[in-house]
Each structure stands twice: as structure tokens, then as C-alpha cells.
PDB file of N, CA and C in Angstrom:
ATOM      1  N   MET A   1      79.071  93.902 133.623  1.00  0.00           N
ATOM      2  CA  MET A   1      79.864  93.691 134.902  1.00  0.00           C
ATOM      3  C   MET A   1      79.448  94.985 135.555  1.00  0.00           C
ATOM      4  N   ASP A   2      79.071  94.481 136.956  1.00  0.00           N
ATOM      5  CA  ASP A   2      78.750  95.639 137.921  1.00  0.00           C
ATOM      6  C   ASP A   2      79.879  95.662 138.799  1.00  0.00           C
ATOM      7  N   ILE A   3      80.400  97.130 138.891  1.00  0.00           N
ATOM      8  CA  ILE A   3      81.479  97.339 139.986  1.00  0.00           C
ATOM      9  C   ILE A   3      81.335  97.969 141.044  1.00  0.00           C
ATOM     10  N   ALA A   4      81.587  97.639 142.416  1.00  0.00           N
ATOM     11  CA  ALA A   4      81.535  98.674 143.749  1.00  0.00           C
ATOM     12  C   ALA A   4      82.523  99.006 144.104  1.00  0.00           C
ATOM     13  N   VAL A   5      82.734 100.098 144.499  1.00  0.00           N
ATOM     14  CA  VAL A   5      83.667 100.648 145.290  1.00  0.00           C
ATOM     15  C   VAL A   5      83.370 101.117 146.615  1.00  0.00           C
ATOM     16  N   ASP A   6      84.070 100.713 147.607  1.00  0.00           N
ATOM     17  CA  ASP A   6      83.661 101.065 148.714  1.00  0.00           C
ATOM     18  C   ASP A   6      84.884 101.633 149.684  1.00  0.00           C
ATOM     19  N   SER A   7      85.039 102.236 150.757  1.00  0.00           N
ATOM     20  CA  SER A   7      86.120 102.382 151.813  1.00  0.00           C
ATOM     21  C   SER A   7      85.665 102.138 153.181  1.00  0.00           C
ATOM     22  N   THR A   8      86.759 101.811 153.951  1.00  0.00           N
ATOM     23  CA  THR A   8      86.340 101.777 155.619  1.00  0.00           C
ATOM     24  C   THR A   8      87.731 102.045 156.362  1.00  0.00           C
ATOM     25  N   GLY A   9      87.617 102.575 157.411  1.00  0.00           N
ATOM     26  CA  GLY A   9      88.444 102.871 158.612  1.00  0.00           C
ATOM     27  C   GLY A   9      88.807 102.010 159.679  1.00  0.00           C
ATOM     28  N   PHE A  10      90.106 101.712 159.615  1.00  0.00           N
ATOM     29  CA  PHE A  10      90.571 100.744 160.797  1.00  0.00           C
ATOM     30  C   PHE A  10      91.323 101.550 162.041  1.00  0.00           C
ATOM     31  N   SER A  11      91.245 101.391 163.162  1.00  0.00           N
ATOM     32  CA  SER A  11      92.161 101.755 164.245  1.00  0.00           C
ATOM     33  C   SER A  11      93.434 101.015 164.388  1.00  0.00           C
ATOM     34  N   THR A  12      94.475 101.553 164.702  1.00  0.00           N
ATOM     35  CA  THR A  12      95.612 100.835 164.923  1.00  0.00           C
ATOM     36  C   THR A  12      95.996 100.722 166.476  1.00  0.00           C
ATOM     37  N   SER A  13      96.529 100.127 167.117  1.00  0.00           N
ATOM     38  CA  SER A  13      96.920  99.836 168.571  1.00  0.00           C
ATOM     39  C   SER A  13      97.922 101.188 168.692  1.00  0.00           C
ATOM     40  N   ASN A  14      98.529 101.993 167.946  1.00  0.00           N
ATOM     41  CA  ASN A  14      99.486 102.892 168.139  1.00  0.00           C
ATOM     42  C   ASN A  14      98.886 104.259 168.485  1.00  0.00           C
ATOM     43  N   ARG A  15      99.381 105.122 169.573  1.00  0.00           N
ATOM     44  CA  ARG A  15      98.793 106.333 169.712  1.00  0.00           C
ATOM     45  C   ARG A  15      99.907 107.224 168.245  1.00  0.00           C
ATOM     46  N   SER A  16      98.980 108.412 168.067  1.00  0.00           N
ATOM     47  CA  SER A  16      99.915 109.301 166.953  1.00  0.00           C
ATOM     48  C   SER A  16     100.876 110.113 167.947  1.00  0.00           C
ATOM     49  N   ARG A  17     102.130 109.806 167.641  1.00  0.00           N
ATOM     50  CA  ARG A  17     102.923 110.286 167.975  1.00  0.00           C
ATOM     51  C   ARG A  17     103.304 112.180 167.673  1.00  0.00           C
ATOM     52  N   TRP A  18     102.805 112.314 166.647  1.00  0.00           N
ATOM     53  CA  TRP A  18     102.904 113.683 165.841  1.00  0.00           C
ATOM     54  C   TRP A  18     101.711 114.580 166.679  1.00  0.00           C
ATOM     55  N   TYR A  19     100.743 113.725 167.014  1.00  0.00           N
ATOM     56  CA  TYR A  19      99.669 114.425 167.528  1.00  0.00           C
ATOM     57  C   TYR A  19     100.081 114.437 169.036  1.00  0.00           C
ATOM     58  N   ASP A  20     100.411 113.748 169.666  1.00  0.00           N
ATOM     59  CA  ASP A  20     101.240 113.860 171.299  1.00  0.00           C
ATOM     60  C   ASP A  20     101.949 115.516 171.230  1.00  0.00           C
ATOM     61  N   ILE A  21     102.777 115.519 170.140  1.00  0.00           N
ATOM     62  CA  ILE A  21     104.006 116.584 170.273  1.00  0.00           C
ATOM     63  C   ILE A  21     103.358 117.706 170.034  1.00  0.00           C
ATOM     64  N   ARG A  22     102.097 117.694 169.301  1.00  0.00           N
ATOM     65  CA  ARG A  22     101.556 119.049 168.712  1.00  0.00           C
ATOM     66  C   ARG A  22     100.830 119.495 169.782  1.00  0.00           C
ATOM     67  N   ILE A  23     100.020 118.723 170.452  1.00  0.00           N
ATOM     68  CA  ILE A  23      99.131 119.470 171.824  1.00  0.00           C
ATOM     69  C   ILE A  23      99.769 119.142 173.309  1.00  0.00           C
ATOM     70  N   LYS A  24     101.163 118.792 172.892  1.00  0.00           N
ATOM     71  CA  LYS A  24     102.126 118.792 174.317  1.00  0.00           C
ATOM     72  C   LYS A  24     101.582 118.114 175.350  1.00  0.00           C
ATOM     73  N   ARG A  25     100.941 116.902 174.995  1.00  0.00           N
ATOM     74  CA  ARG A  25     100.811 115.988 175.888  1.00  0.00           C
ATOM     75  C   ARG A  25     100.247 114.679 175.290  1.00  0.00           C
ATOM     76  N   LYS A  26     100.092 113.571 176.240  1.00  0.00           N
ATOM     77  CA  LYS A  26      99.995 112.525 175.639  1.00  0.00           C
ATOM     78  C   LYS A  26      98.455 112.269 175.704  1.00  0.00           C
ATOM     79  N   SER A  27      98.118 111.846 174.325  1.00  0.00           N
ATOM     80  CA  SER A  27      96.359 111.584 174.071  1.00  0.00           C
ATOM     81  C   SER A  27      96.175 110.366 174.219  1.00  0.00           C
ATOM     82  N   SER A  28      94.656 109.831 174.293  1.00  0.00           N
ATOM     83  CA  SER A  28      94.373 108.628 173.632  1.00  0.00           C
ATOM     84  C   SER A  28      93.899 108.458 172.250  1.00  0.00           C
ATOM     85  N   ARG A  29      93.830 109.486 171.791  1.00  0.00           N
ATOM     86  CA  ARG A  29      93.895 109.470 169.899  1.00  0.00           C
ATOM     87  C   ARG A  29      94.727 108.445 169.667  1.00  0.00           C
ATOM     88  N   ARG A  30      94.094 107.566 168.598  1.00  0.00           N
ATOM     89  CA  ARG A  30      94.613 106.461 168.018  1.00  0.00           C
ATOM     90  C   ARG A  30      95.010 106.735 166.649  1.00  0.00           C
ATOM     91  N   GLU A  31      95.594 106.081 165.881  1.00  0.00           N
ATOM     92  CA  GLU A  31      96.245 106.453 164.422  1.00  0.00           C
ATOM     93  C   GLU A  31      95.132 105.551 163.851  1.00  0.00           C
ATOM     94  N   CYS A  32      94.964 106.038 162.432  1.00  0.00           N
ATOM     95  CA  CYS A  32      93.943 105.257 161.536  1.00  0.00           C
ATOM     96  C   CYS A  32      94.374 104.919 160.574  1.00  0.00           C
ATOM     97  N   ILE A  33      93.930 103.959 159.759  1.00  0.00           N
ATOM     98  CA  ILE A  33      94.224 103.900 158.334  1.00  0.00           C
ATOM     99  C   ILE A  33      93.156 103.476 157.652  1.00  0.00           C
ATOM    100  N   LYS A  34      92.975 103.811 156.370  1.00  0.00           N
ATOM    101  CA  LYS A  34      91.711 103.516 155.561  1.00  0.00           C
ATOM    102  C   LYS A  34      91.889 102.375 154.497  1.00  0.00           C
ATOM    103  N   LEU A  35      90.947 101.555 154.070  1.00  0.00           N
ATOM    104  CA  LEU A  35      91.176 100.511 152.994  1.00  0.00           C
ATOM    105  C   LEU A  35      89.897 100.877 151.869  1.00  0.00           C
ATOM    106  N   HIS A  36      90.634 100.964 150.624  1.00  0.00           N
ATOM    107  CA  HIS A  36      89.783 101.307 149.730  1.00  0.00           C
ATOM    108  C   HIS A  36      89.726 100.287 148.922  1.00  0.00           C
ATOM    109  N   VAL A  37      88.568  99.577 148.178  1.00  0.00           N
ATOM    110  CA  VAL A  37      88.482  98.471 147.678  1.00  0.00           C
ATOM    111  C   VAL A  37      87.574  98.456 146.433  1.00  0.00           C
ATOM    112  N   SER A  38      87.965  97.968 145.102  1.00  0.00           N
ATOM    113  CA  SER A  38      86.896  98.084 144.286  1.00  0.00           C
ATOM    114  C   SER A  38      86.555  96.403 143.774  1.00  0.00           C
ATOM    115  N   GLY A  39      85.531  96.084 143.559  1.00  0.00           N
ATOM    116  CA  GLY A  39      85.338  94.630 142.981  1.00  0.00           C
ATOM    117  C   GLY A  39      83.908  94.268 142.146  1.00  0.00           C
ATOM    118  N   ASP A  40      84.150  93.385 141.779  1.00  0.00           N
ATOM    119  CA  ASP A  40      82.712  92.792 140.783  1.00  0.00           C
ATOM    120  C   ASP A  40      81.762  92.352 141.998  1.00  0.00           C
ATOM    121  N   ILE A  41      80.674  92.837 141.757  1.00  0.00           N
ATOM    122  CA  ILE A  41      79.493  92.707 142.577  1.00  0.00           C
ATOM    123  C   ILE A  41      79.038  91.102 142.597  1.00  0.00           C
ATOM    124  N   GLU A  42      78.866  90.502 141.179  1.00  0.00           N
ATOM    125  CA  GLU A  42      78.211  89.231 141.014  1.00  0.00           C
ATOM    126  C   GLU A  42      79.362  88.190 141.237  1.00  0.00           C
ATOM    127  N   THR A  43      80.682  88.465 141.051  1.00  0.00           N
ATOM    128  CA  THR A  43      81.452  87.330 141.607  1.00  0.00           C
ATOM    129  C   THR A  43      82.120  87.376 142.694  1.00  0.00           C
ATOM    130  N   GLY A  44      82.231  88.544 143.179  1.00  0.00           N
ATOM    131  CA  GLY A  44      82.840  89.132 144.382  1.00  0.00           C
ATOM    132  C   GLY A  44      84.526  88.850 143.769  1.00  0.00           C
ATOM    133  N   VAL A  45      84.783  89.375 142.914  1.00  0.00           N
ATOM    134  CA  VAL A  45      86.387  89.311 142.489  1.00  0.00           C
ATOM    135  C   VAL A  45      86.686  90.565 142.963  1.00  0.00           C
ATOM    136  N   THR A  46      88.029  90.619 143.750  1.00  0.00           N
ATOM    137  CA  THR A  46      88.673  92.031 143.935  1.00  0.00           C
ATOM    138  C   THR A  46      89.364  92.389 142.953  1.00  0.00           C
ATOM    139  N   PHE A  47      89.193  93.893 142.348  1.00  0.00           N
ATOM    140  CA  PHE A  47      90.023  94.396 141.329  1.00  0.00           C
ATOM    141  C   PHE A  47      91.185  94.984 141.731  1.00  0.00           C
ATOM    142  N   SER A  48      91.165  95.814 142.744  1.00  0.00           N
ATOM    143  CA  SER A  48      92.049  96.462 143.503  1.00  0.00           C
ATOM    144  C   SER A  48      91.755  96.856 144.902  1.00  0.00           C
ATOM    145  N   PHE A  49      92.506  97.108 145.782  1.00  0.00           N
ATOM    146  CA  PHE A  49      92.833  97.793 147.050  1.00  0.00           C
ATOM    147  C   PHE A  49      93.954  98.579 147.205  1.00  0.00           C
ATOM    148  N   THR A  50      93.541  99.577 147.988  1.00  0.00           N
ATOM    149  CA  THR A  50      94.735 100.402 148.514  1.00  0.00           C
ATOM    150  C   THR A  50      94.776 100.922 150.177  1.00  0.00           C
ATOM    151  N   ILE A  51      95.679 100.867 150.626  1.00  0.00           N
ATOM    152  CA  ILE A  51      95.525 101.507 152.157  1.00  0.00           C
ATOM    153  C   ILE A  51      95.984 102.523 152.034  1.00  0.00           C
ATOM    154  N   THR A  52      95.512 103.547 152.942  1.00  0.00           N
ATOM    155  CA  THR A  52      95.851 104.991 152.769  1.00  0.00           C
ATOM    156  C   THR A  52      95.923 105.538 154.088  1.00  0.00           C
ATOM    157  N   PRO A  53      96.341 106.657 154.486  1.00  0.00           N
ATOM    158  CA  PRO A  53      96.014 107.305 155.927  1.00  0.00           C
ATOM    159  C   PRO A  53      94.534 107.803 156.093  1.00  0.00           C
ATOM    160  N   TRP A  54      94.156 107.982 157.405  1.00  0.00           N
ATOM    161  CA  TRP A  54      92.900 108.348 157.574  1.00  0.00           C
ATOM    162  C   TRP A  54      92.210 109.212 156.793  1.00  0.00           C
ATOM    163  N   ASN A  55      92.869 110.176 156.700  1.00  0.00           N
ATOM    164  CA  ASN A  55      92.477 111.470 156.147  1.00  0.00           C
ATOM    165  C   ASN A  55      92.450 111.490 154.452  1.00  0.00           C
ATOM    166  N   ARG A  56      92.715 110.658 153.716  1.00  0.00           N
ATOM    167  CA  ARG A  56      92.720 110.603 152.483  1.00  0.00           C
ATOM    168  C   ARG A  56      91.284 110.604 151.507  1.00  0.00           C
ATOM    169  N   HIS A  57      91.179 111.437 151.029  1.00  0.00           N
ATOM    170  CA  HIS A  57      89.704 111.677 150.367  1.00  0.00           C
ATOM    171  C   HIS A  57      89.671 110.053 149.537  1.00  0.00           C
ATOM    172  N   ASP A  58      88.102 109.576 149.269  1.00  0.00           N
ATOM    173  CA  ASP A  58      88.025 108.345 148.648  1.00  0.00           C
ATOM    174  C   ASP A  58      88.401 108.653 147.013  1.00  0.00           C
ATOM    175  N   SER A  59      88.004 109.805 146.562  1.00  0.00           N
ATOM    176  CA  SER A  59      88.035 110.163 145.051  1.00  0.00           C
ATOM    177  C   SER A  59      89.307 110.077 144.361  1.00  0.00           C
ATOM    178  N   GLY A  60      90.221 110.232 145.248  1.00  0.00           N
ATOM    179  CA  GLY A  60      91.624 110.468 144.801  1.00  0.00           C
ATOM    180  C   GLY A  60      92.332 109.257 144.663  1.00  0.00           C
ATOM    181  N   ASN A  61      91.785 108.278 145.077  1.00  0.00           N
ATOM    182  CA  ASN A  61      92.473 106.760 144.694  1.00  0.00           C
ATOM    183  C   ASN A  61      91.918 105.997 143.513  1.00  0.00           C
ATOM    184  N   SER A  62      91.148 106.485 142.646  1.00  0.00           N
ATOM    185  CA  SER A  62      90.854 105.781 141.589  1.00  0.00           C
ATOM    186  C   SER A  62      91.716 105.829 140.555  1.00  0.00           C
ATOM    187  N   LYS A  63      92.242 104.824 139.877  1.00  0.00           N
ATOM    188  CA  LYS A  63      92.926 104.717 138.669  1.00  0.00           C
ATOM    189  C   LYS A  63      92.642 104.769 137.152  1.00  0.00           C
ATOM    190  N   ASP A  64      93.221 105.609 136.535  1.00  0.00           N
ATOM    191  CA  ASP A  64      92.530 105.776 134.985  1.00  0.00           C
ATOM    192  C   ASP A  64      92.998 104.406 134.227  1.00  0.00           C
TER     193      ASP A  64
END
């Protein structure tokens, strides 16, 4: 069995309110999420997926 692990980011339609407060003005910066997926290459079966904030490192999402 060959397993592939990958992640990609998605932008949401919401602005980051925390970022607006921090820089004291409205920004065009959007909140993002990250999708981490692992699956079998041959069959295409997905074993697991996790949705995290955009700044979460990929290596911290694997489970033993």
C-alpha cells in the first residue's frame, strides 16, 4: 500500500477581525484554513483529513 499525504489552503470570505484590531484599520486580508489529507494512491481511499488554521505546520497533524 502506498500512502500520500498532502495539504492545501483555502481562503474564506471573512476578513480577520483580530488582524483589523491589531493594525487598527480594516484590511483586505482574508482568513484562511488548511486541509490536510492522507490516502491510498492506488485506490483513492481517504484515510484521514484534518482542517486547521492556515499557519499550522503539516508535520504536527500526523497521528501515531
